[in-house]
């Protein structure tokens, strides 16, 4: 059986790496960190932010609410404060549907 290369995930990501993942400026990442208490990066001795996979998942949720659902910052904060569990469930369902759509498009392209 041939070796299948696997993506190795890091324990921590720099603010620049996180900004690149979402196609935004590092200033927006700092802004969201300041306004959403679900983002809690570690800091190294130099004071550089180190984001975990959990932080990135929370950024995905914030990005979805603010950029895709076009909620205001206050609207996104309110949605997370009022019913975080339902908000996360809906977001996860949307993400699953996006992945299914991508797979179907790939299958269609091979036909």
Protein backbone atom coordinates (compact mmCIF):
# COMPACT_ATOMS: atom_id res chain seq x y z
CA UNK A 1 0.00 0.00 0.00
CA UNK A 2 1.55 3.33 -1.04
CA UNK A 3 2.24 6.02 1.51
CA UNK A 4 -0.43 8.70 1.62
CA UNK A 5 0.91 12.05 2.73
CA UNK A 6 -1.03 13.51 5.63
CA UNK A 7 -1.35 17.14 6.54
CA UNK A 8 0.44 17.74 9.81
CA UNK A 9 -1.35 20.21 12.00
CA UNK A 10 0.60 22.47 14.28
CA UNK A 11 -0.15 23.02 17.95
CA UNK A 12 0.09 26.79 17.60
CA UNK A 13 -0.36 29.22 14.73
CA UNK A 14 1.00 32.77 14.51
CA UNK A 15 -1.28 35.73 13.97
CA UNK A 16 0.04 36.02 10.41
CA UNK A 17 -0.83 32.40 9.65
CA UNK A 18 -4.34 32.87 11.05
CA UNK A 19 -4.83 36.07 9.06
CA UNK A 20 -3.73 34.26 5.87
CA UNK A 21 -6.18 31.42 6.54
CA UNK A 22 -9.07 33.88 6.47
CA UNK A 23 -7.68 36.35 3.93
CA UNK A 24 -7.81 39.24 6.40
CA UNK A 25 -5.31 41.61 8.00
CA UNK A 26 -3.67 40.82 11.32
CA UNK A 27 -5.31 43.95 12.72
CA UNK A 28 -8.73 42.34 12.18
CA UNK A 29 -7.57 39.21 14.03
CA UNK A 30 -6.47 41.38 16.98
CA UNK A 31 -9.76 43.30 16.79
CA UNK A 32 -11.84 40.12 16.91
CA UNK A 33 -9.67 38.78 19.75
CA UNK A 34 -10.40 41.96 21.71
CA UNK A 35 -14.17 41.82 21.13
CA UNK A 36 -14.88 38.09 21.39
CA UNK A 37 -14.03 36.35 24.64
CA UNK A 38 -14.04 32.93 22.95
CA UNK A 39 -10.64 33.81 21.44
CA UNK A 40 -7.90 33.26 24.01
CA UNK A 41 -4.46 32.99 22.42
CA UNK A 42 -1.40 32.02 24.38
CA UNK A 43 1.51 34.46 24.28
CA UNK A 44 5.18 33.57 24.12
CA UNK A 45 7.95 35.38 26.00
CA UNK A 46 8.12 38.03 23.27
CA UNK A 47 4.38 38.64 23.58
CA UNK A 48 3.54 37.10 20.21
CA UNK A 49 0.08 35.57 20.01
CA UNK A 50 -0.07 31.80 19.56
CA UNK A 51 -3.45 30.50 18.43
CA UNK A 52 -4.63 26.93 18.92
CA UNK A 53 -6.87 24.87 16.65
CA UNK A 54 -9.76 25.71 19.02
CA UNK A 55 -9.06 29.42 18.50
CA UNK A 56 -9.08 28.91 14.74
CA UNK A 57 -12.42 27.08 14.96
CA UNK A 58 -13.77 30.03 16.94
CA UNK A 59 -12.42 32.41 14.28
CA UNK A 60 -14.27 30.33 11.67
CA UNK A 61 -17.48 30.86 13.61
CA UNK A 62 -16.86 34.61 13.98
CA UNK A 63 -15.91 34.89 10.30
CA UNK A 64 -19.12 33.08 9.36
CA UNK A 65 -21.28 35.38 11.47
CA UNK A 66 -19.59 38.65 10.50
CA UNK A 67 -18.45 38.10 6.91
CA UNK A 68 -20.84 35.47 5.53
CA UNK A 69 -24.02 36.16 7.52
CA UNK A 70 -23.19 39.89 7.49
CA UNK A 71 -24.04 40.44 11.13
CA UNK A 72 -22.69 43.50 12.87
CA UNK A 73 -20.05 42.97 15.50
CA UNK A 74 -22.67 43.56 18.16
CA UNK A 75 -25.08 41.18 16.43
CA UNK A 76 -22.48 38.42 16.34
CA UNK A 77 -21.60 39.00 20.00
CA UNK A 78 -25.27 38.89 20.95
CA UNK A 79 -25.89 35.71 18.96
CA UNK A 80 -22.98 33.96 20.70
CA UNK A 81 -24.00 35.25 24.12
CA UNK A 82 -27.68 34.28 23.79
CA UNK A 83 -27.37 30.81 22.30
CA UNK A 84 -23.84 29.76 21.50
CA UNK A 85 -24.69 26.04 21.26
CA UNK A 86 -27.39 26.53 18.61
CA UNK A 87 -25.21 28.99 16.71
CA UNK A 88 -22.36 26.48 16.65
CA UNK A 89 -24.71 23.64 15.60
CA UNK A 90 -26.07 25.67 12.70
CA UNK A 91 -22.56 26.69 11.64
CA UNK A 92 -21.35 23.07 11.75
CA UNK A 93 -24.34 21.98 9.64
CA UNK A 94 -23.55 24.66 7.06
CA UNK A 95 -19.89 23.61 6.99
CA UNK A 96 -20.90 19.96 6.49
CA UNK A 97 -23.19 20.91 3.63
CA UNK A 98 -20.37 22.93 2.01
CA UNK A 99 -18.05 19.91 2.20
CA UNK A 100 -20.74 17.64 0.71
CA UNK A 101 -21.28 20.13 -2.11
CA UNK A 102 -17.53 20.21 -2.81
CA UNK A 103 -17.44 16.42 -2.96
CA UNK A 104 -20.43 16.33 -5.32
CA UNK A 105 -18.81 18.91 -7.59
CA UNK A 106 -15.62 16.83 -7.66
CA UNK A 107 -17.62 13.71 -8.51
CA UNK A 108 -19.49 15.56 -11.25
CA UNK A 109 -16.21 16.76 -12.75
CA UNK A 110 -14.89 13.21 -12.97
CA UNK A 111 -17.97 11.99 -14.87
